[in-house]
Amino acid sequence: MTTFAVGLLLLDGVLLLIAAFWARNWLLGILGCAFILLAGVVILYWRRYQRALEDVMRARDALKAEAQELRRLIQERKDG
């Protein structure tokens, strides 16, 4: 979905820049640049989201290992 959004924003930005050049309209050029910048913002936030997701996965794995260690200790106490 992110790739689609970035592609669409880039396409719109480039097409607006071409239209601005052809029509000699600076407002279209500003809009085209804004769309291209927004595509960059989407990419930056997507990378930030991926890093946060990796942090959550690492924390989940650490919690799982801790729970297994607690189960092992409880089992040893029951047996001993």
Protein backbone atom coordinates (compact mmCIF):
# COMPACT_ATOMS: atom_id res chain seq x y z
CA MET A 1 0.00 0.00 0.00
CA THR A 2 2.84 2.36 0.84
CA THR A 3 4.51 1.67 -2.49
CA PHE A 4 1.28 2.44 -4.29
CA ALA A 5 0.84 5.71 -2.37
CA VAL A 6 4.41 6.82 -3.07
CA GLY A 7 4.12 5.89 -6.74
CA LEU A 8 0.88 7.75 -7.13
CA LEU A 9 2.21 10.87 -5.38
CA LEU A 10 5.35 10.83 -7.52
CA LEU A 11 3.35 10.36 -10.72
CA ASP A 12 1.01 13.20 -9.82
CA GLY A 13 3.94 15.42 -8.91
CA VAL A 14 5.78 14.79 -12.15
CA LEU A 15 2.64 15.26 -14.24
CA LEU A 16 1.90 18.53 -12.46
CA LEU A 17 5.45 19.72 -13.10
CA ILE A 18 5.10 18.87 -16.79
CA ALA A 19 1.75 20.68 -16.93
CA ALA A 20 3.30 23.68 -15.15
CA PHE A 21 6.12 23.82 -17.67
CA TRP A 22 3.75 23.45 -20.61
CA ALA A 23 1.20 26.00 -19.32
CA ARG A 24 3.81 28.27 -17.73
CA ASN A 25 1.80 28.24 -14.51
CA TRP A 26 3.88 28.54 -11.36
CA LEU A 27 1.03 27.34 -9.11
CA LEU A 28 1.01 23.95 -10.82
CA GLY A 29 4.78 23.80 -10.35
CA ILE A 30 4.43 24.45 -6.64
CA LEU A 31 1.77 21.75 -6.36
CA GLY A 32 3.96 19.31 -8.29
CA CYS A 33 6.89 19.96 -5.96
CA ALA A 34 4.60 19.56 -2.95
CA PHE A 35 3.41 16.16 -4.18
CA ILE A 36 6.99 14.99 -4.71
CA LEU A 37 7.94 16.17 -1.21
CA LEU A 38 4.92 14.39 0.23
CA ALA A 39 6.09 11.17 -1.38
CA GLY A 40 9.37 11.61 0.48
CA VAL A 41 7.52 12.20 3.74
CA VAL A 42 5.54 8.99 3.24
CA ILE A 43 8.78 7.06 2.74
CA LEU A 44 10.32 8.58 5.89
CA TYR A 45 7.31 7.70 8.03
CA TRP A 46 7.17 4.19 6.57
CA ARG A 47 10.81 3.62 7.57
CA ARG A 48 10.07 4.96 11.05
CA TYR A 49 7.12 2.58 11.30
CA GLN A 50 9.29 -0.36 10.24
CA ARG A 51 11.89 0.45 12.93
CA ALA A 52 9.17 0.68 15.58
CA LEU A 53 7.72 -2.63 14.42
CA GLU A 54 11.15 -4.27 14.70
CA ASP A 55 11.50 -2.91 18.25
CA VAL A 56 8.13 -4.40 19.16
CA MET A 57 9.13 -7.77 17.70
CA ARG A 58 12.41 -7.77 19.66
CA ALA A 59 10.55 -6.91 22.88
CA ARG A 60 8.05 -9.67 22.16
CA ASP A 61 10.83 -12.22 21.68
CA ALA A 62 12.53 -11.09 24.90
CA LEU A 63 9.25 -11.40 26.80
CA LYS A 64 8.67 -14.86 25.35
CA ALA A 65 12.16 -15.98 26.44
CA GLU A 66 11.55 -14.57 29.92
CA ALA A 67 8.23 -16.43 30.20
CA GLN A 68 9.90 -19.69 29.17
CA GLU A 69 12.61 -19.16 31.77
CA LEU A 70 9.97 -18.56 34.45
CA ARG A 71 8.13 -21.73 33.42
CA ARG A 72 11.39 -23.67 33.66
CA LEU A 73 12.10 -22.29 37.14
CA ILE A 74 8.58 -23.11 38.33
CA GLN A 75 8.87 -26.63 36.96
CA GLU A 76 12.24 -27.12 38.70
CA ARG A 77 10.77 -25.94 42.00
CA LYS A 78 7.84 -28.36 41.68
CA ASP A 79 10.20 -31.24 40.89
CA GLY A 80 12.73 -30.37 43.60
